[in-house]
């Protein structure tokens, strides 16, 4: 593992550089795009031009701007290199997301844009990626999420990816502290950063050939949670029109009471009493301290930036004008089993389940205990408790998202991703679809192999078609596998889900798939996440 870490660190260091201001006329004008806050010069990779590390704020969140809402970008006539990813947010390293090893800093609010070199004059659909990582880790420097290969294959779109503050710098409640009155937004800064990036894209993407009136936001895990929460932010709908949520939902959130308790636990552990005390701490040590006490800093349902009940908001039609494509993987927590081993994973599941069960009524406890003992859900390396956590975190919330969006009058297409990894114990794990979707099948850390290429291209074309039209269905003439794929809308009668099987993509009723246990686990979505 140490050798792999060293290799990963060197791989990330090799990508790093500092974008500089260009003070002479010696640059390739064909690679320059004039935006509101500067002219940015990209780099050409065959037929794709990449623009990396573009700031989308007027001031980076350092010094007096730490724990403050993002500052709007402003007019700038300067010319700047856009050759390198900006610094990633401070975070603890995760070797399964090696982008977390890229050089970090608080000056992290940058985005990236990839476009095909050919210009046909028509505005192209825009796809904006929001990375995952439990709101604690992750970055746009992640190799499997880099946009060059994606746009080479799909020159009919513009692709962008955005950074946002994480963990203790992006999702910590401070306003209840003695000097916290100046920090009213600290609990949801990461989402505010995402909104500012989307505002920048709305006002500037046309200069790259993108259509600001056809924007799809796509995310996985915490990124999926983000794209499910952003439609609930006031005045957000002018910035995007379609949502793709991969293995995440609105359940990765906290109540105000939970957020206060989380902050108080951190403050006690590091011996701080005020925001002023926190400001004096070394940023890296503060992030490390939050990990030591197992802090889970999620967006807060504060009733101000986010509604206190996101499910009710969806059911009442809050996003009925937004088209949704969402789903999950068959064995999400294979990610944990493979990395930690069967016994440690079993303990993880038991601990997670115990935390949830403690909150339940006696009747609910009986239902959950019955589910965990059901042999039909088990594998030799998969305990009932692990399956329960999988239900709480992924399967049940995914189906409930489809349910509530449909009840609210919106459109929802739902998928179930099923290919098997060749990595021992991984099965069809969390994050495994990312490399497929973004045309990076060489990144096999999770999959262990390349999936069938025609299948992978068909999935990518479905995602692109959804971004273009709000419907992922493919006719045989545009489908890489030469087949018609009519993707049914999720409805409350048939509840059809598209099964993304490697050799048999087909729709099937959820009742036959049994993705969620309606009687014994669906009610757990009322309790939200961990």
Protein backbone atom coordinates (compact mmCIF):
# COMPACT_ATOMS: atom_id res chain seq x y z
CA UNK A 1 0.00 0.00 0.00
CA UNK A 2 2.86 2.40 0.82
CA UNK A 3 4.35 1.80 -2.64
CA UNK A 4 0.96 2.44 -4.29
CA UNK A 5 0.59 5.66 -2.27
CA UNK A 6 4.02 6.87 -3.42
CA UNK A 7 3.14 6.16 -7.03
CA UNK A 8 -0.20 7.98 -6.68
CA UNK A 9 1.45 11.01 -5.05
CA UNK A 10 4.01 11.26 -7.84
CA UNK A 11 1.26 10.93 -10.43
CA UNK A 12 -0.59 13.87 -8.91
CA UNK A 13 2.53 16.00 -8.48
CA UNK A 14 3.34 15.51 -12.15
CA UNK A 15 0.03 17.19 -13.04
CA UNK A 16 0.58 20.22 -10.83
CA UNK A 17 1.60 23.69 -11.93
CA UNK A 18 0.75 27.31 -11.23
CA UNK A 19 -1.33 29.18 -13.80
CA UNK A 20 0.27 32.58 -14.40
CA UNK A 21 -0.89 35.89 -15.77
CA UNK A 22 0.27 36.43 -19.35
CA UNK A 23 1.80 39.90 -19.64
CA UNK A 24 2.83 39.91 -23.31
CA UNK A 25 1.20 39.04 -26.60
CA UNK A 26 3.06 35.76 -26.97
CA UNK A 27 0.26 33.21 -26.67
CA UNK A 28 -1.88 31.18 -29.07
CA UNK A 29 -4.98 33.31 -29.74
CA UNK A 30 -6.85 30.26 -31.09
CA UNK A 31 -6.74 28.76 -27.59
CA UNK A 32 -7.92 31.91 -25.80
CA UNK A 33 -11.47 32.50 -24.58
CA UNK A 34 -12.48 35.92 -23.27
CA UNK A 35 -14.73 35.63 -20.21
CA UNK A 36 -16.15 38.19 -17.79
CA UNK A 37 -13.33 37.73 -15.27
CA UNK A 38 -10.44 37.39 -17.70
CA UNK A 39 -9.22 35.82 -20.90
CA UNK A 40 -8.15 32.23 -20.37
CA UNK A 41 -5.70 30.36 -22.57
CA UNK A 42 -6.10 26.60 -22.70
CA UNK A 43 -4.07 23.70 -24.02
CA UNK A 44 -4.77 21.53 -27.05
CA UNK A 45 -4.90 17.74 -26.78
CA UNK A 46 -5.48 16.38 -30.28
CA UNK A 47 -8.94 17.75 -31.13
CA UNK A 48 -9.87 18.89 -27.60
CA UNK A 49 -8.99 22.14 -25.83
CA UNK A 50 -8.80 21.98 -22.02
CA UNK A 51 -9.10 25.03 -19.77
CA UNK A 52 -8.04 24.14 -16.24
CA UNK A 53 -7.99 26.11 -13.01
CA UNK A 54 -10.30 29.00 -13.95
CA UNK A 55 -11.30 30.94 -10.81
CA UNK A 56 -15.06 31.40 -10.46
CA UNK A 57 -14.97 33.79 -7.50
CA UNK A 58 -13.79 37.35 -6.98
CA UNK A 59 -11.82 36.42 -3.84
CA UNK A 60 -10.54 33.03 -2.78
CA UNK A 61 -11.84 31.88 0.66
CA UNK A 62 -8.66 32.64 2.62
CA UNK A 63 -7.97 35.00 5.52
CA UNK A 64 -10.98 37.19 6.20
CA UNK A 65 -12.99 35.24 3.60
CA UNK A 66 -12.59 31.88 5.37
CA UNK A 67 -16.00 30.45 6.35
CA UNK A 68 -17.74 33.21 4.38
CA UNK A 69 -20.08 32.93 1.41
CA UNK A 70 -18.26 32.91 -1.96
CA UNK A 71 -17.49 36.35 -3.38
CA UNK A 72 -18.96 36.99 -6.82
CA UNK A 73 -16.53 37.15 -9.74
CA UNK A 74 -15.94 40.56 -11.31
CA UNK A 75 -14.74 42.08 -14.58
CA UNK A 76 -11.08 41.55 -15.46
CA UNK A 77 -9.25 42.42 -18.68
CA UNK A 78 -6.21 40.28 -17.83
CA UNK A 79 -5.01 37.25 -19.80
CA UNK A 80 -4.28 34.09 -17.82
CA UNK A 81 -2.96 30.61 -18.37
CA UNK A 82 -5.51 27.84 -17.84
CA UNK A 83 -3.06 24.97 -18.10
CA UNK A 84 -3.24 23.35 -14.66
CA UNK A 85 -5.90 22.30 -12.18
CA UNK A 86 -6.18 24.73 -9.29
CA UNK A 87 -5.38 23.59 -5.78
CA UNK A 88 -7.87 21.13 -4.35
CA UNK A 89 -9.67 21.79 -1.03
CA UNK A 90 -7.93 20.76 2.18
CA UNK A 91 -8.82 17.14 2.92
CA UNK A 92 -7.42 13.88 4.22
CA UNK A 93 -5.98 11.57 1.58
CA UNK A 94 -8.07 8.68 0.26
CA UNK A 95 -6.12 6.29 -1.98
CA UNK A 96 -9.32 5.23 -3.74
CA UNK A 97 -9.69 8.86 -4.84
CA UNK A 98 -6.15 9.81 -5.75
CA UNK A 99 -7.22 13.32 -6.75
CA UNK A 100 -7.19 13.92 -2.98
CA UNK A 101 -3.38 13.70 -3.17
CA UNK A 102 -3.12 16.70 -5.51
CA UNK A 103 -1.62 19.83 -3.87
CA UNK A 104 -4.23 21.45 -1.62
CA UNK A 105 -5.03 24.89 -0.27
CA UNK A 106 -7.87 27.13 0.82
CA UNK A 107 -7.54 28.99 -2.51
CA UNK A 108 -9.41 26.15 -4.18
CA UNK A 109 -12.44 27.63 -5.94
CA UNK A 110 -11.68 26.89 -9.58
CA UNK A 111 -13.39 25.08 -12.41
CA UNK A 112 -12.35 23.39 -15.64
CA UNK A 113 -13.84 23.34 -19.14
CA UNK A 114 -13.24 20.97 -22.05
CA UNK A 115 -14.46 21.64 -25.57
CA UNK A 116 -13.90 20.13 -28.99
CA UNK A 117 -11.69 22.22 -31.23
CA UNK A 118 -14.09 22.17 -34.16
CA UNK A 119 -16.66 24.97 -34.14
CA UNK A 120 -19.89 24.48 -36.08
CA UNK A 121 -21.61 27.61 -34.80
CA UNK A 122 -24.33 25.78 -32.85
CA UNK A 123 -24.44 26.09 -29.09
CA UNK A 124 -23.72 22.74 -27.42
CA UNK A 125 -25.32 21.11 -24.37
CA UNK A 126 -23.25 21.59 -21.22
CA UNK A 127 -22.53 18.84 -18.68
CA UNK A 128 -21.20 19.96 -15.29
CA UNK A 129 -19.58 17.35 -13.03
CA UNK A 130 -19.71 17.65 -9.23
CA UNK A 131 -17.38 15.12 -7.62
CA UNK A 132 -18.23 12.92 -4.66
CA UNK A 133 -16.34 11.95 -1.52
CA UNK A 134 -18.80 12.16 1.40
CA UNK A 135 -18.44 15.98 1.35
CA UNK A 136 -14.98 15.35 2.88
CA UNK A 137 -12.63 14.29 0.06
CA UNK A 138 -12.41 14.45 -3.72
CA UNK A 139 -11.34 16.86 -6.41
CA UNK A 140 -11.55 17.66 -10.10
CA UNK A 141 -7.97 16.36 -10.47
CA UNK A 142 -9.26 12.78 -10.18
CA UNK A 143 -7.91 10.98 -13.30
CA UNK A 144 -11.07 8.96 -14.02
CA UNK A 145 -13.07 12.21 -14.12
CA UNK A 146 -10.75 14.17 -16.44
CA UNK A 147 -12.66 15.43 -19.46
CA UNK A 148 -10.36 15.06 -22.48
CA UNK A 149 -11.26 11.49 -23.49
CA UNK A 150 -14.94 12.18 -22.78
CA UNK A 151 -15.09 15.15 -25.15
CA UNK A 152 -12.92 13.43 -27.77
CA UNK A 153 -15.60 10.77 -28.05
CA UNK A 154 -18.47 13.24 -27.64
CA UNK A 155 -17.49 16.48 -29.41
CA UNK A 156 -21.15 17.53 -29.43
CA UNK A 157 -21.03 18.60 -25.74
CA UNK A 158 -19.12 20.99 -23.48
CA UNK A 159 -17.87 19.39 -20.27
CA UNK A 160 -17.02 21.23 -17.03
CA UNK A 161 -16.03 20.20 -13.52
CA UNK A 162 -16.04 22.31 -10.37
CA UNK A 163 -14.36 22.43 -6.97
CA UNK A 164 -16.10 23.29 -3.70
CA UNK A 165 -15.08 23.57 -0.08
CA UNK A 166 -15.17 20.32 1.87
CA UNK A 167 -15.53 19.08 5.42
CA UNK A 168 -14.70 21.53 8.18
CA UNK A 169 -14.21 24.35 5.65
CA UNK A 170 -17.41 23.75 3.70
CA UNK A 171 -20.03 22.34 6.06
CA UNK A 172 -19.52 23.41 9.68
CA UNK A 173 -22.09 25.34 11.75
CA UNK A 174 -20.44 28.30 13.49
CA UNK A 175 -23.22 30.82 14.12
CA UNK A 176 -24.05 29.40 17.58
CA UNK A 177 -20.51 30.08 18.88
CA UNK A 178 -19.85 33.22 20.98
CA UNK A 179 -18.31 35.09 18.02
CA UNK A 180 -20.16 33.13 15.30
CA UNK A 181 -22.61 35.84 14.28
CA UNK A 182 -20.39 36.85 11.36
CA UNK A 183 -20.53 33.33 9.92
CA UNK A 184 -24.22 32.69 9.19
CA UNK A 185 -23.60 30.53 6.10
CA UNK A 186 -20.70 28.29 7.18
CA UNK A 187 -22.92 25.19 7.37
CA UNK A 188 -23.65 25.18 3.62
CA UNK A 189 -20.66 26.91 2.02
CA UNK A 190 -19.83 23.93 -0.19
CA UNK A 191 -23.26 24.14 -1.82
CA UNK A 192 -22.92 27.92 -2.13
CA UNK A 193 -19.61 27.39 -3.91
CA UNK A 194 -21.32 25.03 -6.34
CA UNK A 195 -24.03 27.60 -7.01
CA UNK A 196 -21.42 30.31 -7.67
CA UNK A 197 -19.65 28.00 -10.12
CA UNK A 198 -22.96 27.36 -11.88
CA UNK A 199 -23.57 31.11 -12.03
CA UNK A 200 -20.14 31.56 -13.65
CA UNK A 201 -20.95 28.82 -16.15
CA UNK A 202 -24.33 30.37 -16.93
CA UNK A 203 -22.74 33.74 -17.70
CA UNK A 204 -19.57 32.53 -19.44
CA UNK A 205 -20.07 29.12 -21.04
CA UNK A 206 -21.47 30.69 -24.19
CA UNK A 207 -17.97 32.04 -24.90
CA UNK A 208 -16.79 28.40 -25.13
CA UNK A 209 -19.61 27.42 -27.48
CA UNK A 210 -21.91 26.06 -24.77
CA UNK A 211 -25.63 26.63 -24.41
CA UNK A 212 -26.42 28.21 -21.02
CA UNK A 213 -30.06 27.24 -21.55
CA UNK A 214 -29.24 23.52 -21.72
CA UNK A 215 -27.11 22.61 -18.70
CA UNK A 216 -27.04 19.23 -16.98
CA UNK A 217 -25.53 18.85 -13.52
CA UNK A 218 -24.19 15.39 -12.76
CA UNK A 219 -22.71 14.00 -9.57
CA UNK A 220 -21.85 10.77 -7.81
CA UNK A 221 -22.19 9.98 -4.09
CA UNK A 222 -21.87 13.38 -2.33
CA UNK A 223 -21.89 14.90 -5.80
CA UNK A 224 -25.22 13.15 -6.41
CA UNK A 225 -26.41 14.45 -3.05
CA UNK A 226 -25.40 17.91 -4.19
CA UNK A 227 -27.25 17.76 -7.50
CA UNK A 228 -30.36 16.56 -5.63
CA UNK A 229 -30.11 19.45 -3.13
CA UNK A 230 -29.30 22.25 -5.59
CA UNK A 231 -32.79 22.23 -7.19
CA UNK A 232 -34.14 23.10 -3.72
CA UNK A 233 -32.02 26.26 -3.48
CA UNK A 234 -33.93 29.44 -4.22
CA UNK A 235 -33.49 30.79 -7.78
CA UNK A 236 -31.28 27.87 -8.81
CA UNK A 237 -33.32 26.58 -11.75
CA UNK A 238 -32.09 29.22 -14.19
CA UNK A 239 -28.62 27.67 -13.95
CA UNK A 240 -29.44 24.05 -14.88
CA UNK A 241 -32.20 22.05 -16.53
CA UNK A 242 -31.40 18.35 -16.06
CA UNK A 243 -29.98 16.35 -13.13
CA UNK A 244 -28.05 13.06 -13.16
CA UNK A 245 -27.61 11.59 -9.67
CA UNK A 246 -25.39 8.52 -9.38
CA UNK A 247 -25.57 6.75 -5.99
CA UNK A 248 -26.61 9.67 -3.83
CA UNK A 249 -29.61 11.68 -2.68
CA UNK A 250 -30.89 14.26 -0.21
CA UNK A 251 -30.30 11.88 2.72
CA UNK A 252 -26.67 12.99 3.12
CA UNK A 253 -27.76 15.97 5.22
CA UNK A 254 -28.01 17.01 8.87
CA UNK A 255 -30.52 18.81 11.03
CA UNK A 256 -29.46 21.98 12.80
CA UNK A 257 -29.36 20.09 16.10
CA UNK A 258 -27.02 17.49 14.59
CA UNK A 259 -24.83 20.21 13.09
CA UNK A 260 -24.50 22.03 16.42
CA UNK A 261 -23.60 18.79 18.19
CA UNK A 262 -21.02 18.00 15.52
CA UNK A 263 -19.33 21.39 15.90
CA UNK A 264 -19.37 21.20 19.68
CA UNK A 265 -17.73 17.76 19.57
CA UNK A 266 -14.96 19.10 17.36
CA UNK A 267 -14.43 22.21 19.47
CA UNK A 268 -14.13 20.15 22.63
CA UNK A 269 -11.67 17.72 21.06
CA UNK A 270 -9.28 20.46 19.93
CA UNK A 271 -9.69 22.76 22.93
CA UNK A 272 -11.28 25.68 21.07
CA UNK A 273 -14.21 27.80 22.20
CA UNK A 274 -14.58 30.45 19.50
CA UNK A 275 -14.25 30.97 15.75
CA UNK A 276 -11.25 33.14 16.56
CA UNK A 277 -9.62 30.08 18.14
CA UNK A 278 -10.33 28.05 15.01
CA UNK A 279 -8.85 30.75 12.78
CA UNK A 280 -5.52 30.33 14.56
CA UNK A 281 -5.30 26.60 13.86
CA UNK A 282 -3.16 25.17 11.10
CA UNK A 283 -5.61 24.22 8.31
CA UNK A 284 -4.17 20.75 7.81
CA UNK A 285 -4.29 19.96 11.53
CA UNK A 286 -7.90 21.13 11.73
CA UNK A 287 -8.87 18.75 8.93
CA UNK A 288 -6.94 15.94 10.62
CA UNK A 289 -8.70 16.62 13.92
CA UNK A 290 -12.11 16.33 12.30
CA UNK A 291 -11.17 12.92 10.92
CA UNK A 292 -9.80 11.64 14.23
CA UNK A 293 -13.16 12.09 15.93
CA UNK A 294 -14.98 10.69 12.89
CA UNK A 295 -16.79 13.92 11.99
CA UNK A 296 -19.34 13.62 9.19
CA UNK A 297 -19.94 17.13 7.91
CA UNK A 298 -22.89 17.18 5.55
CA UNK A 299 -25.06 20.03 4.25
CA UNK A 300 -27.49 21.31 6.84
CA UNK A 301 -31.26 21.44 6.42
CA UNK A 302 -31.26 24.86 8.06
CA UNK A 303 -34.61 26.12 6.77
CA UNK A 304 -32.77 29.03 5.18
CA UNK A 305 -30.57 27.82 2.34
CA UNK A 306 -32.10 24.33 2.30
CA UNK A 307 -35.62 23.27 3.34
CA UNK A 308 -35.97 21.39 6.60
CA UNK A 309 -37.71 18.54 4.77
CA UNK A 310 -36.28 17.95 1.27
CA UNK A 311 -38.58 14.98 0.63
CA UNK A 312 -41.65 17.15 1.19
CA UNK A 313 -40.22 19.84 -1.06
CA UNK A 314 -39.84 17.36 -3.92
CA UNK A 315 -43.27 15.87 -3.34
CA UNK A 316 -44.75 19.38 -3.45
CA UNK A 317 -43.24 20.01 -6.89
CA UNK A 318 -40.12 21.99 -6.04
CA UNK A 319 -38.29 20.47 -9.03
CA UNK A 320 -41.14 19.60 -11.39
CA UNK A 321 -39.47 21.61 -14.17
CA UNK A 322 -36.18 19.67 -13.82
CA UNK A 323 -35.68 16.30 -15.55
CA UNK A 324 -33.99 13.62 -13.42
CA UNK A 325 -31.90 10.56 -14.23
CA UNK A 326 -30.85 8.68 -11.11
CA UNK A 327 -29.82 5.28 -9.86
CA UNK A 328 -27.45 3.18 -7.82
CA UNK A 329 -25.13 0.18 -8.08
CA UNK A 330 -26.08 -3.37 -7.14
CA UNK A 331 -23.48 -3.82 -4.37
CA UNK A 332 -22.53 -0.30 -3.29
CA UNK A 333 -20.68 -1.35 -0.15
CA UNK A 334 -18.49 -3.82 -1.97
CA UNK A 335 -16.27 -0.73 -1.90
CA UNK A 336 -15.96 -1.24 1.88
CA UNK A 337 -15.77 -5.05 1.87
CA UNK A 338 -12.95 -5.14 -0.68
CA UNK A 339 -10.91 -2.42 0.99
CA UNK A 340 -11.40 -3.43 4.63
CA UNK A 341 -11.99 -7.17 4.48
CA UNK A 342 -15.08 -9.20 5.34
CA UNK A 343 -14.84 -9.02 9.13
CA UNK A 344 -14.06 -5.30 9.35
CA UNK A 345 -16.84 -4.59 6.87
CA UNK A 346 -19.24 -6.66 8.97
CA UNK A 347 -18.31 -4.57 12.01
CA UNK A 348 -18.75 -1.38 9.96
CA UNK A 349 -22.23 -2.53 8.98
CA UNK A 350 -23.09 -3.53 12.53
CA UNK A 351 -21.92 -0.18 13.93
CA UNK A 352 -23.83 1.74 11.26
CA UNK A 353 -26.95 -0.32 11.79
CA UNK A 354 -26.72 0.03 15.58
CA UNK A 355 -26.59 3.79 15.29
CA UNK A 356 -29.75 3.78 13.23
CA UNK A 357 -31.64 1.15 15.21
CA UNK A 358 -31.17 3.13 18.43
CA UNK A 359 -33.38 5.88 17.00
CA UNK A 360 -36.27 3.61 16.05
CA UNK A 361 -39.54 2.65 17.65
CA UNK A 362 -39.90 -0.94 18.88
CA UNK A 363 -42.03 -1.83 15.85
CA UNK A 364 -39.44 -0.35 13.50
CA UNK A 365 -36.63 -2.18 15.30
CA UNK A 366 -38.42 -5.47 14.77
CA UNK A 367 -38.78 -4.78 11.03
CA UNK A 368 -35.09 -3.91 10.67
CA UNK A 369 -33.94 -6.94 12.65
CA UNK A 370 -36.11 -9.16 10.47
CA UNK A 371 -34.51 -7.66 7.35
CA UNK A 372 -30.96 -8.21 8.62
CA UNK A 373 -31.67 -11.91 9.26
CA UNK A 374 -33.25 -12.49 5.84
CA UNK A 375 -31.01 -15.02 4.06
CA UNK A 376 -32.27 -13.93 0.63
CA UNK A 377 -30.34 -10.63 0.86
CA UNK A 378 -27.02 -12.12 2.00
CA UNK A 379 -23.78 -13.18 0.35
CA UNK A 380 -20.92 -15.01 2.08
CA UNK A 381 -19.05 -11.70 2.31
CA UNK A 382 -22.10 -9.48 2.85
CA UNK A 383 -23.76 -9.34 6.29
CA UNK A 384 -27.37 -8.34 6.84
CA UNK A 385 -26.23 -5.21 8.67
CA UNK A 386 -24.09 -4.20 5.70
CA UNK A 387 -27.06 -4.64 3.39
CA UNK A 388 -29.10 -2.51 5.79
CA UNK A 389 -26.61 0.35 5.60
CA UNK A 390 -26.66 -0.01 1.82
CA UNK A 391 -30.44 0.32 1.89
CA UNK A 392 -30.30 3.38 4.15
CA UNK A 393 -27.59 5.18 2.19
CA UNK A 394 -28.31 4.26 -1.42
CA UNK A 395 -31.12 1.96 -2.54
CA UNK A 396 -34.09 3.25 -0.55
CA UNK A 397 -33.26 6.96 -1.00
CA UNK A 398 -32.75 6.45 -4.75
CA UNK A 399 -36.20 4.93 -5.15
CA UNK A 400 -37.74 7.55 -2.87
CA UNK A 401 -36.18 10.30 -5.03
CA UNK A 402 -37.93 8.78 -8.05
CA UNK A 403 -41.17 8.50 -6.08
CA UNK A 404 -41.22 12.05 -4.74
CA UNK A 405 -40.08 13.67 -7.99
CA UNK A 406 -42.87 11.81 -9.80
CA UNK A 407 -45.47 12.70 -7.17
CA UNK A 408 -44.44 16.33 -7.50
CA UNK A 409 -45.20 16.33 -11.23
CA UNK A 410 -41.62 16.01 -12.46
CA UNK A 411 -39.93 13.50 -14.75
CA UNK A 412 -37.64 10.81 -13.41
CA UNK A 413 -35.70 8.06 -15.18
CA UNK A 414 -34.22 5.42 -12.87
CA UNK A 415 -31.40 2.90 -13.38
CA UNK A 416 -29.79 -0.06 -11.62
CA UNK A 417 -26.13 -0.67 -12.53
CA UNK A 418 -25.15 -4.36 -12.28
CA UNK A 419 -21.76 -5.33 -13.88
CA UNK A 420 -19.34 -7.27 -11.69
CA UNK A 421 -15.83 -6.13 -10.81
CA UNK A 422 -12.97 -8.62 -11.11
CA UNK A 423 -11.45 -7.25 -7.88
CA UNK A 424 -12.02 -9.76 -5.06
CA UNK A 425 -15.06 -8.90 -2.88
CA UNK A 426 -15.77 -5.69 -4.85
CA UNK A 427 -18.83 -6.99 -6.75
CA UNK A 428 -20.76 -4.06 -8.31
CA UNK A 429 -19.43 -1.41 -5.97
CA UNK A 430 -19.80 2.28 -5.26
CA UNK A 431 -18.08 4.56 -7.83
CA UNK A 432 -17.53 1.73 -10.33
CA UNK A 433 -19.60 3.36 -13.05
CA UNK A 434 -17.60 6.62 -13.07
CA UNK A 435 -14.74 5.38 -15.24
CA UNK A 436 -17.28 3.94 -17.68
CA UNK A 437 -19.32 7.12 -17.92
CA UNK A 438 -16.29 9.37 -18.50
CA UNK A 439 -14.45 7.09 -20.93
CA UNK A 440 -11.58 6.15 -18.64
CA UNK A 441 -11.72 2.39 -18.68
CA UNK A 442 -7.96 2.31 -18.15
CA UNK A 443 -8.70 3.34 -14.54
CA UNK A 444 -9.36 -0.14 -13.13
CA UNK A 445 -8.75 0.33 -9.39
CA UNK A 446 -12.42 -0.45 -8.63
CA UNK A 447 -13.53 -2.46 -11.68
CA UNK A 448 -10.39 -4.55 -12.04
CA UNK A 449 -11.09 -4.77 -15.77
CA UNK A 450 -12.44 -3.01 -18.80
CA UNK A 451 -16.13 -3.53 -19.42
CA UNK A 452 -17.46 -4.45 -22.84
CA UNK A 453 -16.65 -1.42 -25.00
CA UNK A 454 -19.94 -1.34 -26.89
CA UNK A 455 -21.81 -1.46 -23.58
CA UNK A 456 -19.69 1.38 -22.18
CA UNK A 457 -20.26 3.53 -25.28
CA UNK A 458 -24.01 2.85 -25.11
CA UNK A 459 -24.15 4.04 -21.49
CA UNK A 460 -22.22 7.19 -22.35
CA UNK A 461 -24.54 7.90 -25.28
CA UNK A 462 -27.59 7.47 -22.99
CA UNK A 463 -26.15 10.05 -20.59
CA UNK A 464 -25.36 12.42 -23.48
CA UNK A 465 -28.82 11.96 -24.97
CA UNK A 466 -30.37 12.83 -21.61
CA UNK A 467 -28.21 15.96 -21.41
CA UNK A 468 -29.36 16.98 -24.87
CA UNK A 469 -33.07 16.21 -24.59
CA UNK A 470 -34.00 15.28 -21.01
CA UNK A 471 -34.69 11.71 -22.17
CA UNK A 472 -31.99 8.96 -22.15
CA UNK A 473 -33.77 6.71 -24.65
CA UNK A 474 -31.83 5.71 -27.77
CA UNK A 475 -33.02 4.68 -31.19
CA UNK A 476 -31.06 2.02 -33.05
CA UNK A 477 -29.53 4.54 -35.48
CA UNK A 478 -27.77 6.47 -32.69
CA UNK A 479 -27.15 3.63 -30.23
CA UNK A 480 -23.60 2.19 -30.29
CA UNK A 481 -24.99 -1.34 -29.89
CA UNK A 482 -27.41 -0.83 -32.78
CA UNK A 483 -30.47 -1.51 -30.63
CA UNK A 484 -33.51 0.52 -29.62
CA UNK A 485 -33.47 1.38 -25.92
CA UNK A 486 -36.79 2.90 -24.89
CA UNK A 487 -36.25 4.08 -21.32
CA UNK A 488 -39.58 4.25 -19.47
CA UNK A 489 -40.35 7.13 -17.17
CA UNK A 490 -40.65 6.10 -13.54
CA UNK A 491 -44.32 6.09 -12.59
CA UNK A 492 -46.21 5.17 -9.45
CA UNK A 493 -48.01 2.22 -11.03
CA UNK A 494 -45.31 0.22 -12.84
CA UNK A 495 -42.18 1.66 -11.16
CA UNK A 496 -39.96 0.59 -14.04
CA UNK A 497 -36.19 0.79 -13.71
CA UNK A 498 -33.60 0.43 -16.50
CA UNK A 499 -31.26 -2.42 -15.61
CA UNK A 500 -27.81 -1.54 -16.94
CA UNK A 501 -26.60 -5.11 -17.32
CA UNK A 502 -23.36 -5.45 -19.25
CA UNK A 503 -24.90 -7.75 -21.85
CA UNK A 504 -28.62 -7.05 -21.52
CA UNK A 505 -29.78 -3.48 -20.98
CA UNK A 506 -33.49 -3.73 -20.29
CA UNK A 507 -36.35 -2.19 -18.26
CA UNK A 508 -37.82 -4.15 -15.37
CA UNK A 509 -40.32 -3.45 -12.62
CA UNK A 510 -38.78 -2.55 -9.27
CA UNK A 511 -41.09 -5.10 -7.63
CA UNK A 512 -39.29 -7.84 -9.57
CA UNK A 513 -35.81 -6.43 -8.98
CA UNK A 514 -36.47 -5.85 -5.27
CA UNK A 515 -33.96 -3.03 -5.07
CA UNK A 516 -35.60 -1.79 -1.90
CA UNK A 517 -37.55 -3.56 0.83
CA UNK A 518 -40.67 -1.39 0.95
CA UNK A 519 -41.94 -2.77 4.27
CA UNK A 520 -38.72 -3.16 6.24
CA UNK A 521 -36.31 -0.41 5.05
CA UNK A 522 -38.05 2.30 3.02
CA UNK A 523 -39.27 4.05 6.18
CA UNK A 524 -35.62 4.53 7.20
CA UNK A 525 -35.30 7.32 4.64
CA UNK A 526 -37.25 9.43 7.16
CA UNK A 527 -34.21 9.27 9.42
CA UNK A 528 -31.82 10.41 6.72
CA UNK A 529 -28.22 9.28 6.58
CA UNK A 530 -25.58 8.18 9.13
